[in-house]
Every structure is written in structure tokens, then in C-alpha cells.
PDB file of all heavy atoms in Angstrom:
ATOM      1  N   VAL A   1      44.513  46.225  31.418  1.00  0.00           N
ATOM      2  CA  VAL A   1      43.790  47.500  31.836  1.00  0.00           C
ATOM      3  C   VAL A   1      42.536  47.497  31.239  1.00  0.00           C
ATOM      4  O   VAL A   1      42.241  47.159  30.025  1.00  0.00           O
ATOM      5  CB  VAL A   1      44.689  48.656  31.247  1.00  0.00           C
ATOM      6  CG1 VAL A   1      43.958  50.026  31.453  1.00  0.00           C
ATOM      7  CG2 VAL A   1      46.046  48.635  31.917  1.00  0.00           C
ATOM      8  N   THR A   2      41.472  47.700  32.069  1.00  0.00           N
ATOM      9  CA  THR A   2      40.156  47.911  31.459  1.00  0.00           C
ATOM     10  C   THR A   2      39.696  49.413  31.550  1.00  0.00           C
ATOM     11  O   THR A   2      39.806  50.067  32.483  1.00  0.00           O
ATOM     12  CB  THR A   2      39.127  47.118  32.486  1.00  0.00           C
ATOM     13  OG1 THR A   2      39.655  45.754  32.524  1.00  0.00           O
ATOM     14  CG2 THR A   2      37.752  47.215  31.892  1.00  0.00           C
ATOM     15  N   GLN A   3      39.188  49.912  30.386  1.00  0.00           N
ATOM     16  CA  GLN A   3      38.771  51.243  30.341  1.00  0.00           C
ATOM     17  C   GLN A   3      37.707  51.599  31.325  1.00  0.00           C
ATOM     18  O   GLN A   3      36.818  50.864  31.707  1.00  0.00           O
ATOM     19  CB  GLN A   3      38.075  51.550  28.856  1.00  0.00           C
ATOM     20  CG  GLN A   3      39.100  51.393  27.796  1.00  0.00           C
ATOM     21  CD  GLN A   3      39.599  52.786  27.454  1.00  0.00           C
ATOM     22  OE1 GLN A   3      39.126  53.776  27.920  1.00  0.00           O
ATOM     23  NE2 GLN A   3      40.647  52.859  26.575  1.00  0.00           N
ATOM     24  N   ASN A   4      37.967  52.817  31.846  1.00  0.00           N
ATOM     25  CA  ASN A   4      36.947  53.456  32.810  1.00  0.00           C
ATOM     26  C   ASN A   4      36.767  52.555  34.092  1.00  0.00           C
ATOM     27  O   ASN A   4      35.677  52.537  34.727  1.00  0.00           O
ATOM     28  CB  ASN A   4      35.628  53.744  32.220  1.00  0.00           C
ATOM     29  CG  ASN A   4      35.740  54.575  31.002  1.00  0.00           C
ATOM     30  OD1 ASN A   4      36.448  55.574  31.160  1.00  0.00           O
ATOM     31  ND2 ASN A   4      35.152  54.330  29.853  1.00  0.00           N
ATOM     32  N   LYS A   5      37.766  51.837  34.550  1.00  0.00           N
ATOM     33  CA  LYS A   5      37.656  51.139  35.728  1.00  0.00           C
ATOM     34  C   LYS A   5      38.798  51.718  36.684  1.00  0.00           C
ATOM     35  O   LYS A   5      39.988  51.744  36.268  1.00  0.00           O
ATOM     36  CB  LYS A   5      37.865  49.510  35.505  1.00  0.00           C
ATOM     37  CG  LYS A   5      36.757  48.968  34.661  1.00  0.00           C
ATOM     38  CD  LYS A   5      35.506  48.985  35.307  1.00  0.00           C
ATOM     39  CE  LYS A   5      34.461  48.285  34.336  1.00  0.00           C
ATOM     40  NZ  LYS A   5      33.112  48.286  34.953  1.00  0.00           N
ATOM     41  N   VAL A   6      38.434  51.768  37.930  1.00  0.00           N
ATOM     42  CA  VAL A   6      39.437  52.190  38.887  1.00  0.00           C
ATOM     43  C   VAL A   6      40.355  50.962  39.278  1.00  0.00           C
ATOM     44  O   VAL A   6      39.794  49.898  39.602  1.00  0.00           O
ATOM     45  CB  VAL A   6      38.757  52.770  40.224  1.00  0.00           C
ATOM     46  CG1 VAL A   6      39.667  53.049  41.255  1.00  0.00           C
ATOM     47  CG2 VAL A   6      37.926  53.975  39.833  1.00  0.00           C
ATOM     48  N   VAL A   7      41.524  51.149  39.311  1.00  0.00           N
ATOM     49  CA  VAL A   7      42.532  50.135  39.752  1.00  0.00           C
ATOM     50  C   VAL A   7      42.969  50.400  41.197  1.00  0.00           C
ATOM     51  O   VAL A   7      43.438  51.423  41.427  1.00  0.00           O
ATOM     52  CB  VAL A   7      43.677  49.935  38.803  1.00  0.00           C
ATOM     53  CG1 VAL A   7      44.638  48.861  39.267  1.00  0.00           C
ATOM     54  CG2 VAL A   7      43.238  49.663  37.431  1.00  0.00           C
ATOM     55  N   THR A   8      42.649  49.448  42.016  1.00  0.00           N
ATOM     56  CA  THR A   8      43.075  49.724  43.446  1.00  0.00           C
ATOM     57  C   THR A   8      44.006  48.661  43.897  1.00  0.00           C
ATOM     58  O   THR A   8      44.081  47.581  43.277  1.00  0.00           O
ATOM     59  CB  THR A   8      41.899  49.637  44.412  1.00  0.00           C
ATOM     60  OG1 THR A   8      41.191  48.377  44.281  1.00  0.00           O
ATOM     61  CG2 THR A   8      40.769  50.750  44.021  1.00  0.00           C
ATOM     62  N   PRO A   9      44.790  48.864  44.948  1.00  0.00           N
ATOM     63  CA  PRO A   9      45.682  47.839  45.495  1.00  0.00           C
ATOM     64  C   PRO A   9      44.943  46.469  45.818  1.00  0.00           C
ATOM     65  O   PRO A   9      43.772  46.481  46.273  1.00  0.00           O
ATOM     66  CB  PRO A   9      46.321  48.285  46.743  1.00  0.00           C
ATOM     67  CG  PRO A   9      46.246  49.891  46.431  1.00  0.00           C
ATOM     68  CD  PRO A   9      44.908  50.068  45.757  1.00  0.00           C
ATOM     69  N   GLN A  10      45.469  45.457  45.299  1.00  0.00           N
ATOM     70  CA  GLN A  10      44.805  44.083  45.651  1.00  0.00           C
ATOM     71  C   GLN A  10      45.491  43.320  46.771  1.00  0.00           C
ATOM     72  O   GLN A  10      44.735  42.535  47.411  1.00  0.00           O
ATOM     73  CB  GLN A  10      45.100  43.185  44.405  1.00  0.00           C
ATOM     74  CG  GLN A  10      44.503  43.853  43.112  1.00  0.00           C
ATOM     75  CD  GLN A  10      42.993  44.058  43.185  1.00  0.00           C
ATOM     76  OE1 GLN A  10      42.193  43.171  43.416  1.00  0.00           O
ATOM     77  NE2 GLN A  10      42.600  45.413  43.055  1.00  0.00           N
ATOM     78  N   THR A  11      46.719  43.635  47.240  1.00  0.00           N
ATOM     79  CA  THR A  11      47.285  42.964  48.237  1.00  0.00           C
ATOM     80  C   THR A  11      47.919  43.892  49.312  1.00  0.00           C
ATOM     81  O   THR A  11      48.839  44.583  48.966  1.00  0.00           O
ATOM     82  CB  THR A  11      48.434  41.997  47.721  1.00  0.00           C
ATOM     83  OG1 THR A  11      47.948  41.193  46.628  1.00  0.00           O
ATOM     84  CG2 THR A  11      49.109  41.264  48.799  1.00  0.00           C
ATOM     85  N   PRO A  12      47.396  43.973  50.509  1.00  0.00           N
ATOM     86  CA  PRO A  12      47.919  44.844  51.510  1.00  0.00           C
ATOM     87  C   PRO A  12      49.304  44.460  51.909  1.00  0.00           C
ATOM     88  O   PRO A  12      49.595  43.276  51.798  1.00  0.00           O
ATOM     89  CB  PRO A  12      47.012  44.587  52.792  1.00  0.00           C
ATOM     90  CG  PRO A  12      45.854  44.018  52.207  1.00  0.00           C
ATOM     91  CD  PRO A  12      46.154  43.350  51.023  1.00  0.00           C
ATOM     92  N   ARG A  13      50.286  45.437  52.030  1.00  0.00           N
ATOM     93  CA  ARG A  13      51.680  45.064  52.338  1.00  0.00           C
ATOM     94  C   ARG A  13      52.169  46.090  53.368  1.00  0.00           C
ATOM     95  O   ARG A  13      51.751  47.337  53.475  1.00  0.00           O
ATOM     96  CB  ARG A  13      52.478  45.286  51.076  1.00  0.00           C
ATOM     97  CG  ARG A  13      52.187  44.452  49.902  1.00  0.00           C
ATOM     98  CD  ARG A  13      53.126  43.408  49.618  1.00  0.00           C
ATOM     99  NE  ARG A  13      54.582  43.558  49.995  1.00  0.00           N
ATOM    100  CZ  ARG A  13      55.421  44.277  49.255  1.00  0.00           C
ATOM    101  NH1 ARG A  13      55.145  44.708  48.059  1.00  0.00           N
ATOM    102  NH2 ARG A  13      56.651  44.456  49.728  1.00  0.00           N
ATOM    103  N   SER A  14      53.206  45.555  54.152  1.00  0.00           N
ATOM    104  CA  SER A  14      53.970  46.365  55.054  1.00  0.00           C
ATOM    105  C   SER A  14      55.296  45.931  54.973  1.00  0.00           C
ATOM    106  O   SER A  14      55.585  44.685  54.606  1.00  0.00           O
ATOM    107  CB  SER A  14      53.515  46.416  56.455  1.00  0.00           C
ATOM    108  OG  SER A  14      53.488  45.276  56.959  1.00  0.00           O
ATOM    109  N   SER A  15      56.395  46.734  55.147  1.00  0.00           N
ATOM    110  CA  SER A  15      57.749  46.386  55.045  1.00  0.00           C
ATOM    111  C   SER A  15      58.558  47.289  55.934  1.00  0.00           C
ATOM    112  O   SER A  15      58.072  48.425  56.243  1.00  0.00           O
ATOM    113  CB  SER A  15      58.174  46.480  53.591  1.00  0.00           C
ATOM    114  OG  SER A  15      59.516  46.098  53.528  1.00  0.00           O
ATOM    115  N   SER A  16      59.726  46.970  56.324  1.00  0.00           N
ATOM    116  CA  SER A  16      60.604  47.812  57.058  1.00  0.00           C
ATOM    117  C   SER A  16      62.045  47.435  56.793  1.00  0.00           C
ATOM    118  O   SER A  16      62.414  46.547  56.223  1.00  0.00           O
ATOM    119  CB  SER A  16      60.288  47.631  58.537  1.00  0.00           C
ATOM    120  OG  SER A  16      60.609  46.336  59.057  1.00  0.00           O
ATOM    121  N   GLY A  17      62.879  48.422  57.194  1.00  0.00           N
ATOM    122  CA  GLY A  17      64.339  48.442  57.005  1.00  0.00           C
ATOM    123  C   GLY A  17      65.037  49.080  58.045  1.00  0.00           C
ATOM    124  O   GLY A  17      64.419  50.078  58.637  1.00  0.00           O
ATOM    125  N   VAL A  18      66.304  48.798  58.336  1.00  0.00           N
ATOM    126  CA  VAL A  18      67.011  49.476  59.450  1.00  0.00           C
ATOM    127  C   VAL A  18      68.266  50.069  58.816  1.00  0.00           C
ATOM    128  O   VAL A  18      68.969  49.382  58.095  1.00  0.00           O
ATOM    129  CB  VAL A  18      67.387  48.439  60.553  1.00  0.00           C
ATOM    130  CG1 VAL A  18      68.246  49.205  61.571  1.00  0.00           C
ATOM    131  CG2 VAL A  18      66.122  47.888  61.093  1.00  0.00           C
ATOM    132  N   VAL A  19      68.656  51.343  59.187  1.00  0.00           N
ATOM    133  CA  VAL A  19      69.829  51.898  58.795  1.00  0.00           C
ATOM    134  C   VAL A  19      70.604  52.207  59.924  1.00  0.00           C
ATOM    135  O   VAL A  19      70.053  52.627  60.959  1.00  0.00           O
ATOM    136  CB  VAL A  19      69.612  53.307  57.971  1.00  0.00           C
ATOM    137  CG1 VAL A  19      68.949  52.896  56.659  1.00  0.00           C
ATOM    138  CG2 VAL A  19      68.888  54.238  58.781  1.00  0.00           C
ATOM    139  N   THR A  20      71.872  52.062  59.973  1.00  0.00           N
ATOM    140  CA  THR A  20      72.822  52.243  60.999  1.00  0.00           C
ATOM    141  C   THR A  20      73.965  53.186  60.742  1.00  0.00           C
ATOM    142  O   THR A  20      74.424  53.854  61.665  1.00  0.00           O
ATOM    143  CB  THR A  20      73.438  50.821  61.554  1.00  0.00           C
ATOM    144  OG1 THR A  20      74.152  50.239  60.453  1.00  0.00           O
ATOM    145  CG2 THR A  20      72.285  49.941  62.098  1.00  0.00           C
ATOM    146  N   ALA A  21      74.448  53.173  59.478  1.00  0.00           N
ATOM    147  CA  ALA A  21      75.629  54.007  59.110  1.00  0.00           C
ATOM    148  C   ALA A  21      75.044  55.337  58.453  1.00  0.00           C
ATOM    149  O   ALA A  21      73.889  55.386  57.970  1.00  0.00           O
ATOM    150  CB  ALA A  21      76.499  53.300  58.087  1.00  0.00           C
ATOM    151  N   ALA A  22      75.779  56.325  58.483  1.00  0.00           N
ATOM    152  CA  ALA A  22      75.470  57.675  58.000  1.00  0.00           C
ATOM    153  C   ALA A  22      75.685  57.648  56.390  1.00  0.00           C
ATOM    154  O   ALA A  22      76.603  57.084  55.863  1.00  0.00           O
ATOM    155  CB  ALA A  22      76.283  58.752  58.601  1.00  0.00           C
ATOM    156  N   ASN A  23      74.857  58.441  55.851  1.00  0.00           N
ATOM    157  CA  ASN A  23      74.797  58.599  54.346  1.00  0.00           C
ATOM    158  C   ASN A  23      74.976  60.224  54.050  1.00  0.00           C
ATOM    159  O   ASN A  23      74.142  60.949  54.645  1.00  0.00           O
ATOM    160  CB  ASN A  23      73.606  58.188  53.619  1.00  0.00           C
ATOM    161  CG  ASN A  23      73.702  58.533  52.169  1.00  0.00           C
ATOM    162  OD1 ASN A  23      74.544  58.165  51.424  1.00  0.00           O
ATOM    163  ND2 ASN A  23      72.654  59.210  51.683  1.00  0.00           N
ATOM    164  N   SER A  24      75.936  60.497  53.356  1.00  0.00           N
ATOM    165  CA  SER A  24      76.084  62.003  52.988  1.00  0.00           C
ATOM    166  C   SER A  24      76.143  62.186  51.473  1.00  0.00           C
ATOM    167  O   SER A  24      76.626  63.193  51.030  1.00  0.00           O
ATOM    168  CB  SER A  24      77.355  62.583  53.751  1.00  0.00           C
ATOM    169  OG  SER A  24      78.467  61.751  53.308  1.00  0.00           O
ATOM    170  N   THR A  25      75.746  61.169  50.761  1.00  0.00           N
ATOM    171  CA  THR A  25      75.793  61.261  49.300  1.00  0.00           C
ATOM    172  C   THR A  25      74.343  61.300  48.672  1.00  0.00           C
ATOM    173  O   THR A  25      73.572  60.411  49.018  1.00  0.00           O
ATOM    174  CB  THR A  25      76.404  59.991  48.672  1.00  0.00           C
ATOM    175  OG1 THR A  25      77.707  59.798  49.398  1.00  0.00           O
ATOM    176  CG2 THR A  25      76.620  59.997  47.261  1.00  0.00           C
TER     177      THR A  25
END
């Protein structure tokens, strides 16, 4: 961490997932 410096994302990412069953919890 460097004082007074803005930290921005360095690596663009995308991801996905699939749900098929119901969740009620």
C-alpha cells in the first residue's frame, strides 16, 4: 500500500455460473 495513491483493478475479469435447483435456505 502506498500512501495517497488510488488503487484500481489491474486485471479485467469476467466469470459466470449456472444454477438449476431451487434454494430456499
